[in-house]
Amino acid sequence: MNATIGKFGFPATLVREYAHWVVLLRPAQPTLGSLVLAAKSDATAFGDLPAAAFAELAVVTAAIEHALGAAVRYDRINYLMLMLVDPHVHFHVIPRYDGEREGRGLTIADAAWGKPPALGEARALDADEQARMVDWLKGYWPD
């Protein structure tokens, strides 16, 4: 695993692992169910990923959208590939909705609905909240 994956709390935040990708709970939640989809490769450019990683990306994104659709009932979903601070290939996956959503005792509003996500207003989760959210999301993951 690369350093970017470690920065986002792996292995404690691991929701699902694939051959080329990991899906992690984003430790700071701008909206409920926000994730990090990170390539396991050491690549720092999207185009440098192996072809198999691109093929698997279709499977992974379908699973993410299924799980978050059931868990959060999002209206839209944003995949943000920022890679400014953390250099390895990864996306911030932000489910978007009007109002707020609740899961495992945690309620989070989409503070910027209708605009780009308010990443700076994200709610930092403590270790217990992270564990509850990871367990909750795993329950929605397709097999």
N, C-alpha and C. Protein backbone atom coordinates (compact mmCIF):
# COMPACT_ATOMS: atom_id res chain seq x y z
N MET A 1 0.85 -1.18 0.00
CA MET A 1 0.00 0.00 0.00
C MET A 1 0.89 1.24 0.00
N ASN A 2 0.42 2.29 -0.64
CA ASN A 2 1.21 3.51 -0.73
C ASN A 2 0.91 4.46 0.44
N ALA A 3 1.68 5.52 0.56
CA ALA A 3 1.56 6.45 1.68
C ALA A 3 0.22 7.18 1.71
N THR A 4 -0.35 7.45 0.54
CA THR A 4 -1.65 8.12 0.50
C THR A 4 -2.72 7.26 1.16
N ILE A 5 -2.70 5.99 0.90
CA ILE A 5 -3.67 5.07 1.52
C ILE A 5 -3.49 5.09 3.04
N GLY A 6 -2.25 5.06 3.49
CA GLY A 6 -1.98 5.12 4.93
C GLY A 6 -2.47 6.41 5.55
N LYS A 7 -2.34 7.51 4.84
CA LYS A 7 -2.77 8.81 5.38
C LYS A 7 -4.27 8.84 5.63
N PHE A 8 -5.03 8.08 4.85
CA PHE A 8 -6.48 8.06 5.03
C PHE A 8 -6.94 6.95 5.98
N GLY A 9 -6.03 6.48 6.82
CA GLY A 9 -6.41 5.63 7.94
C GLY A 9 -6.40 4.14 7.73
N PHE A 10 -5.90 3.67 6.59
CA PHE A 10 -5.82 2.23 6.35
C PHE A 10 -4.96 1.60 7.44
N PRO A 11 -5.34 0.47 8.00
CA PRO A 11 -6.44 -0.40 7.63
C PRO A 11 -7.75 -0.13 8.36
N ALA A 12 -7.76 0.77 9.35
CA ALA A 12 -8.97 0.99 10.15
C ALA A 12 -10.14 1.50 9.33
N THR A 13 -9.87 2.23 8.26
CA THR A 13 -10.94 2.82 7.45
C THR A 13 -11.32 1.97 6.24
N LEU A 14 -10.75 0.79 6.11
CA LEU A 14 -11.00 -0.05 4.93
C LEU A 14 -12.45 -0.55 4.89
N VAL A 15 -13.13 -0.21 3.81
CA VAL A 15 -14.48 -0.69 3.57
C VAL A 15 -14.44 -1.92 2.66
N ARG A 16 -13.64 -1.86 1.59
CA ARG A 16 -13.52 -2.98 0.66
C ARG A 16 -12.20 -2.90 -0.08
N GLU A 17 -11.59 -4.05 -0.30
CA GLU A 17 -10.34 -4.13 -1.04
C GLU A 17 -10.56 -4.92 -2.32
N TYR A 18 -9.96 -4.42 -3.39
CA TYR A 18 -10.00 -5.06 -4.70
C TYR A 18 -8.55 -5.32 -5.13
N ALA A 19 -8.37 -5.93 -6.26
CA ALA A 19 -7.02 -6.25 -6.74
C ALA A 19 -6.17 -4.98 -6.93
N HIS A 20 -6.78 -3.91 -7.47
CA HIS A 20 -6.04 -2.69 -7.80
C HIS A 20 -6.45 -1.46 -7.00
N TRP A 21 -7.51 -1.58 -6.21
CA TRP A 21 -8.10 -0.43 -5.53
C TRP A 21 -8.47 -0.78 -4.10
N VAL A 22 -8.51 0.24 -3.25
CA VAL A 22 -9.13 0.12 -1.93
C VAL A 22 -10.18 1.21 -1.81
N VAL A 23 -11.25 0.89 -1.10
CA VAL A 23 -12.28 1.85 -0.78
C VAL A 23 -12.19 2.09 0.72
N LEU A 24 -11.94 3.33 1.09
CA LEU A 24 -11.75 3.71 2.48
C LEU A 24 -12.82 4.71 2.90
N LEU A 25 -13.23 4.64 4.15
CA LEU A 25 -14.05 5.70 4.72
C LEU A 25 -13.20 6.95 4.80
N ARG A 26 -13.72 8.06 4.36
CA ARG A 26 -12.98 9.32 4.48
C ARG A 26 -13.07 9.75 5.95
N PRO A 27 -11.94 9.89 6.65
CA PRO A 27 -11.97 10.22 8.08
C PRO A 27 -12.65 11.54 8.41
N ALA A 28 -12.66 12.47 7.47
CA ALA A 28 -13.39 13.72 7.62
C ALA A 28 -14.55 13.68 6.63
N GLN A 29 -15.76 13.79 7.13
CA GLN A 29 -16.96 13.59 6.33
C GLN A 29 -17.63 14.91 5.95
N PRO A 30 -17.48 15.39 4.70
CA PRO A 30 -18.24 16.57 4.29
C PRO A 30 -19.72 16.22 4.10
N THR A 31 -19.99 14.98 3.74
CA THR A 31 -21.34 14.44 3.69
C THR A 31 -21.27 13.01 4.21
N LEU A 32 -22.38 12.51 4.69
CA LEU A 32 -22.41 11.16 5.26
C LEU A 32 -22.07 10.13 4.19
N GLY A 33 -21.15 9.24 4.52
CA GLY A 33 -20.75 8.19 3.60
C GLY A 33 -19.63 8.56 2.66
N SER A 34 -18.97 9.69 2.88
CA SER A 34 -17.87 10.10 2.01
C SER A 34 -16.73 9.08 2.10
N LEU A 35 -16.16 8.77 0.95
CA LEU A 35 -15.15 7.72 0.82
C LEU A 35 -13.90 8.25 0.13
N VAL A 36 -12.85 7.44 0.18
CA VAL A 36 -11.67 7.64 -0.64
C VAL A 36 -11.49 6.37 -1.46
N LEU A 37 -11.42 6.50 -2.76
CA LEU A 37 -11.16 5.40 -3.67
C LEU A 37 -9.71 5.55 -4.11
N ALA A 38 -8.84 4.66 -3.64
CA ALA A 38 -7.40 4.83 -3.87
C ALA A 38 -6.82 3.65 -4.63
N ALA A 39 -5.98 3.98 -5.61
CA ALA A 39 -5.24 2.94 -6.33
C ALA A 39 -4.16 2.39 -5.41
N LYS A 40 -3.96 1.08 -5.45
CA LYS A 40 -2.93 0.45 -4.64
C LYS A 40 -1.54 0.65 -5.24
N SER A 41 -1.49 1.08 -6.45
CA SER A 41 -0.24 1.34 -7.18
C SER A 41 0.51 2.52 -6.57
N ASP A 42 1.78 2.61 -6.88
CA ASP A 42 2.57 3.78 -6.48
C ASP A 42 2.48 4.90 -7.52
N ALA A 43 1.61 4.74 -8.52
CA ALA A 43 1.46 5.75 -9.58
C ALA A 43 1.00 7.08 -9.00
N THR A 44 1.57 8.15 -9.54
CA THR A 44 1.16 9.50 -9.15
C THR A 44 0.50 10.23 -10.32
N ALA A 45 0.26 9.52 -11.40
CA ALA A 45 -0.47 10.06 -12.55
C ALA A 45 -1.52 9.02 -12.96
N PHE A 46 -2.73 9.47 -13.18
CA PHE A 46 -3.83 8.57 -13.51
C PHE A 46 -3.49 7.70 -14.71
N GLY A 47 -2.89 8.28 -15.72
CA GLY A 47 -2.54 7.56 -16.94
C GLY A 47 -1.46 6.51 -16.75
N ASP A 48 -0.78 6.51 -15.64
CA ASP A 48 0.27 5.53 -15.37
C ASP A 48 -0.25 4.24 -14.74
N LEU A 49 -1.52 4.20 -14.41
CA LEU A 49 -2.08 2.97 -13.84
C LEU A 49 -2.11 1.87 -14.89
N PRO A 50 -1.99 0.62 -14.48
CA PRO A 50 -2.07 -0.49 -15.45
C PRO A 50 -3.49 -0.61 -16.02
N ALA A 51 -3.59 -1.15 -17.20
CA ALA A 51 -4.89 -1.31 -17.87
C ALA A 51 -5.88 -2.08 -17.00
N ALA A 52 -5.41 -3.06 -16.27
CA ALA A 52 -6.30 -3.85 -15.41
C ALA A 52 -6.94 -3.00 -14.32
N ALA A 53 -6.24 -1.96 -13.86
CA ALA A 53 -6.82 -1.07 -12.85
C ALA A 53 -7.99 -0.28 -13.44
N PHE A 54 -7.85 0.14 -14.70
CA PHE A 54 -8.94 0.86 -15.35
C PHE A 54 -10.14 -0.06 -15.57
N ALA A 55 -9.90 -1.29 -15.95
CA ALA A 55 -11.00 -2.25 -16.14
C ALA A 55 -11.72 -2.50 -14.81
N GLU A 56 -10.96 -2.65 -13.75
CA GLU A 56 -11.57 -2.91 -12.44
C GLU A 56 -12.31 -1.70 -11.90
N LEU A 57 -11.93 -0.52 -12.33
CA LEU A 57 -12.56 0.71 -11.86
C LEU A 57 -14.07 0.70 -12.14
N ALA A 58 -14.49 0.11 -13.23
CA ALA A 58 -15.92 0.02 -13.54
C ALA A 58 -16.66 -0.81 -12.49
N VAL A 59 -16.07 -1.90 -12.07
CA VAL A 59 -16.67 -2.77 -11.04
C VAL A 59 -16.73 -2.04 -9.71
N VAL A 60 -15.64 -1.37 -9.36
CA VAL A 60 -15.55 -0.69 -8.06
C VAL A 60 -16.54 0.46 -7.98
N THR A 61 -16.61 1.29 -9.02
CA THR A 61 -17.53 2.42 -8.97
C THR A 61 -18.99 1.96 -8.95
N ALA A 62 -19.31 0.88 -9.63
CA ALA A 62 -20.68 0.34 -9.57
C ALA A 62 -21.00 -0.11 -8.15
N ALA A 63 -20.06 -0.74 -7.47
CA ALA A 63 -20.27 -1.19 -6.10
C ALA A 63 -20.43 0.00 -5.16
N ILE A 64 -19.60 1.02 -5.34
CA ILE A 64 -19.70 2.23 -4.51
C ILE A 64 -21.08 2.86 -4.68
N GLU A 65 -21.52 3.02 -5.91
CA GLU A 65 -22.80 3.68 -6.16
C GLU A 65 -23.97 2.85 -5.64
N HIS A 66 -23.87 1.54 -5.73
CA HIS A 66 -24.90 0.67 -5.16
C HIS A 66 -24.96 0.85 -3.64
N ALA A 67 -23.81 0.73 -2.99
CA ALA A 67 -23.76 0.79 -1.53
C ALA A 67 -24.20 2.16 -1.01
N LEU A 68 -23.66 3.24 -1.57
CA LEU A 68 -24.02 4.57 -1.09
C LEU A 68 -25.46 4.92 -1.44
N GLY A 69 -25.94 4.42 -2.57
CA GLY A 69 -27.35 4.65 -2.91
C GLY A 69 -28.27 4.05 -1.87
N ALA A 70 -27.96 2.86 -1.42
CA ALA A 70 -28.78 2.19 -0.40
C ALA A 70 -28.59 2.82 0.97
N ALA A 71 -27.36 3.13 1.33
CA ALA A 71 -27.07 3.63 2.68
C ALA A 71 -27.46 5.09 2.87
N VAL A 72 -27.15 5.92 1.88
CA VAL A 72 -27.28 7.36 2.04
C VAL A 72 -28.41 7.96 1.20
N ARG A 73 -28.84 7.24 0.17
CA ARG A 73 -29.87 7.75 -0.73
C ARG A 73 -29.46 9.10 -1.33
N TYR A 74 -28.26 9.12 -1.90
CA TYR A 74 -27.74 10.37 -2.47
C TYR A 74 -28.54 10.80 -3.69
N ASP A 75 -28.49 12.09 -3.97
CA ASP A 75 -29.11 12.65 -5.18
C ASP A 75 -28.11 12.71 -6.34
N ARG A 76 -26.87 12.98 -6.00
CA ARG A 76 -25.76 13.04 -6.96
C ARG A 76 -24.54 12.47 -6.26
N ILE A 77 -23.51 12.16 -7.03
CA ILE A 77 -22.27 11.69 -6.44
C ILE A 77 -21.11 12.39 -7.15
N ASN A 78 -20.16 12.88 -6.36
CA ASN A 78 -18.98 13.56 -6.91
C ASN A 78 -17.76 12.69 -6.70
N TYR A 79 -16.98 12.52 -7.77
CA TYR A 79 -15.68 11.86 -7.71
C TYR A 79 -14.65 12.96 -7.95
N LEU A 80 -13.89 13.30 -6.94
CA LEU A 80 -12.92 14.38 -7.05
C LEU A 80 -11.51 13.80 -7.03
N MET A 81 -10.77 14.00 -8.11
CA MET A 81 -9.38 13.57 -8.16
C MET A 81 -8.53 14.82 -7.98
N LEU A 82 -8.12 15.07 -6.77
CA LEU A 82 -7.42 16.31 -6.46
C LEU A 82 -5.91 16.13 -6.48
N MET A 83 -5.38 15.17 -5.73
CA MET A 83 -3.97 14.77 -5.74
C MET A 83 -2.99 15.94 -5.61
N LEU A 84 -3.35 16.96 -4.89
CA LEU A 84 -2.45 18.09 -4.68
C LEU A 84 -1.59 17.86 -3.44
N VAL A 85 -2.20 17.43 -2.36
CA VAL A 85 -1.48 17.17 -1.11
C VAL A 85 -0.99 15.72 -1.06
N ASP A 86 -1.86 14.81 -1.42
CA ASP A 86 -1.54 13.37 -1.40
C ASP A 86 -1.33 12.92 -2.84
N PRO A 87 -0.10 12.54 -3.21
CA PRO A 87 0.25 12.40 -4.62
C PRO A 87 -0.21 11.14 -5.34
N HIS A 88 -0.50 10.06 -4.63
CA HIS A 88 -0.86 8.82 -5.31
C HIS A 88 -2.30 8.89 -5.83
N VAL A 89 -2.56 8.15 -6.89
CA VAL A 89 -3.87 8.22 -7.56
C VAL A 89 -4.98 7.85 -6.58
N HIS A 90 -5.90 8.79 -6.40
CA HIS A 90 -7.07 8.54 -5.54
C HIS A 90 -8.17 9.55 -5.87
N PHE A 91 -9.38 9.16 -5.52
CA PHE A 91 -10.56 10.01 -5.68
C PHE A 91 -11.19 10.21 -4.31
N HIS A 92 -11.72 11.39 -4.08
CA HIS A 92 -12.60 11.62 -2.94
C HIS A 92 -14.00 11.40 -3.49
N VAL A 93 -14.74 10.50 -2.88
CA VAL A 93 -16.09 10.16 -3.35
C VAL A 93 -17.06 10.79 -2.36
N ILE A 94 -17.81 11.77 -2.85
CA ILE A 94 -18.68 12.56 -1.99
C ILE A 94 -20.13 12.39 -2.44
N PRO A 95 -20.93 11.64 -1.66
CA PRO A 95 -22.35 11.57 -1.99
C PRO A 95 -23.01 12.93 -1.69
N ARG A 96 -23.86 13.39 -2.58
CA ARG A 96 -24.48 14.71 -2.43
C ARG A 96 -25.98 14.56 -2.27
N TYR A 97 -26.55 15.38 -1.42
CA TYR A 97 -27.98 15.32 -1.13
C TYR A 97 -28.44 16.66 -0.58
N ASP A 98 -29.72 16.90 -0.72
CA ASP A 98 -30.34 18.10 -0.17
C ASP A 98 -30.76 17.79 1.26
N GLY A 99 -30.23 18.51 2.21
CA GLY A 99 -30.60 18.29 3.62
C GLY A 99 -29.53 17.50 4.34
N GLU A 100 -29.98 16.60 5.22
CA GLU A 100 -29.04 15.81 6.00
C GLU A 100 -29.40 14.33 5.92
N ARG A 101 -28.44 13.51 6.27
CA ARG A 101 -28.61 12.06 6.30
C ARG A 101 -28.07 11.55 7.62
N GLU A 102 -28.61 10.38 8.05
CA GLU A 102 -28.23 9.78 9.33
C GLU A 102 -27.83 8.33 9.12
N GLY A 103 -26.81 7.91 9.84
CA GLY A 103 -26.39 6.51 9.82
C GLY A 103 -25.57 6.20 11.05
N ARG A 104 -25.93 5.15 11.74
CA ARG A 104 -25.21 4.70 12.94
C ARG A 104 -24.99 5.82 13.96
N GLY A 105 -26.04 6.61 14.17
CA GLY A 105 -25.98 7.66 15.18
C GLY A 105 -25.26 8.93 14.75
N LEU A 106 -24.89 9.01 13.50
CA LEU A 106 -24.18 10.17 12.99
C LEU A 106 -25.07 10.87 11.96
N THR A 107 -25.32 12.16 12.15
CA THR A 107 -26.13 12.94 11.22
C THR A 107 -25.25 14.03 10.62
N ILE A 108 -25.23 14.10 9.28
CA ILE A 108 -24.40 15.10 8.59
C ILE A 108 -25.22 15.73 7.46
N ALA A 109 -25.23 17.04 7.44
CA ALA A 109 -25.88 17.79 6.37
C ALA A 109 -24.89 18.01 5.23
N ASP A 110 -25.42 18.13 4.02
CA ASP A 110 -24.60 18.54 2.88
C ASP A 110 -24.63 20.07 2.89
N ALA A 111 -23.62 20.67 3.51
CA ALA A 111 -23.58 22.11 3.74
C ALA A 111 -23.48 22.91 2.45
N ALA A 112 -23.13 22.27 1.35
CA ALA A 112 -22.92 23.00 0.10
C ALA A 112 -23.78 22.45 -1.04
N TRP A 113 -24.92 21.85 -0.71
CA TRP A 113 -25.77 21.28 -1.75
C TRP A 113 -26.00 22.32 -2.85
N GLY A 114 -25.83 21.90 -4.09
CA GLY A 114 -26.00 22.78 -5.24
C GLY A 114 -24.74 23.50 -5.64
N LYS A 115 -23.66 23.30 -4.88
CA LYS A 115 -22.36 23.92 -5.14
C LYS A 115 -21.29 22.85 -5.00
N PRO A 116 -20.02 23.18 -5.28
CA PRO A 116 -18.96 22.19 -5.00
C PRO A 116 -18.95 21.81 -3.52
N PRO A 117 -18.57 20.58 -3.21
CA PRO A 117 -18.62 20.15 -1.81
C PRO A 117 -17.75 21.01 -0.89
N ALA A 118 -18.23 21.19 0.33
CA ALA A 118 -17.53 22.01 1.33
C ALA A 118 -16.55 21.13 2.10
N LEU A 119 -15.44 20.78 1.46
CA LEU A 119 -14.48 19.89 2.08
C LEU A 119 -13.90 20.47 3.36
N GLY A 120 -13.77 21.78 3.43
CA GLY A 120 -13.23 22.43 4.61
C GLY A 120 -14.15 22.41 5.81
N GLU A 121 -15.41 22.06 5.59
CA GLU A 121 -16.39 21.99 6.68
C GLU A 121 -16.68 20.55 7.08
N ALA A 122 -15.84 19.63 6.65
CA ALA A 122 -16.07 18.21 6.92
C ALA A 122 -15.98 17.93 8.42
N ARG A 123 -16.80 16.98 8.86
CA ARG A 123 -16.80 16.56 10.26
C ARG A 123 -15.78 15.47 10.47
N ALA A 124 -14.77 15.75 11.30
CA ALA A 124 -13.75 14.75 11.61
C ALA A 124 -14.35 13.69 12.53
N LEU A 125 -14.16 12.43 12.19
CA LEU A 125 -14.70 11.34 12.99
C LEU A 125 -13.65 10.83 13.96
N ASP A 126 -14.08 10.48 15.17
CA ASP A 126 -13.16 9.84 16.10
C ASP A 126 -13.08 8.35 15.74
N ALA A 127 -12.20 7.62 16.40
CA ALA A 127 -11.96 6.21 16.06
C ALA A 127 -13.22 5.37 16.20
N ASP A 128 -14.03 5.61 17.21
CA ASP A 128 -15.27 4.85 17.40
C ASP A 128 -16.27 5.14 16.28
N GLU A 129 -16.41 6.40 15.93
CA GLU A 129 -17.33 6.77 14.84
C GLU A 129 -16.85 6.17 13.52
N GLN A 130 -15.54 6.19 13.28
CA GLN A 130 -15.01 5.58 12.06
C GLN A 130 -15.34 4.10 12.01
N ALA A 131 -15.13 3.40 13.10
CA ALA A 131 -15.40 1.95 13.14
C ALA A 131 -16.87 1.67 12.89
N ARG A 132 -17.75 2.45 13.50
CA ARG A 132 -19.19 2.26 13.28
C ARG A 132 -19.58 2.52 11.83
N MET A 133 -19.01 3.58 11.24
CA MET A 133 -19.34 3.91 9.85
C MET A 133 -18.81 2.86 8.88
N VAL A 134 -17.59 2.38 9.11
CA VAL A 134 -17.02 1.33 8.24
C VAL A 134 -17.91 0.10 8.29
N ASP A 135 -18.28 -0.32 9.49
CA ASP A 135 -19.14 -1.50 9.65
C ASP A 135 -20.49 -1.29 8.98
N TRP A 136 -21.06 -0.11 9.14
CA TRP A 136 -22.36 0.23 8.54
C TRP A 136 -22.29 0.15 7.02
N LEU A 137 -21.26 0.75 6.42
CA LEU A 137 -21.15 0.75 4.96
C LEU A 137 -20.86 -0.63 4.41
N LYS A 138 -20.05 -1.42 5.11
CA LYS A 138 -19.78 -2.79 4.66
C LYS A 138 -21.07 -3.59 4.51
N GLY A 139 -22.05 -3.29 5.36
CA GLY A 139 -23.33 -4.00 5.30
C GLY A 139 -24.12 -3.73 4.03
N TYR A 140 -23.82 -2.66 3.34
CA TYR A 140 -24.50 -2.31 2.09
C TYR A 140 -23.72 -2.74 0.85
N TRP A 141 -22.51 -3.26 1.06
CA TRP A 141 -21.66 -3.57 -0.09
C TRP A 141 -22.15 -4.82 -0.81
N PRO A 142 -22.26 -4.75 -2.15
CA PRO A 142 -22.66 -5.95 -2.89
C PRO A 142 -21.53 -6.98 -2.89
N ASP A 143 -21.90 -8.25 -2.90
CA ASP A 143 -20.89 -9.31 -2.91
C ASP A 143 -20.38 -9.65 -4.28
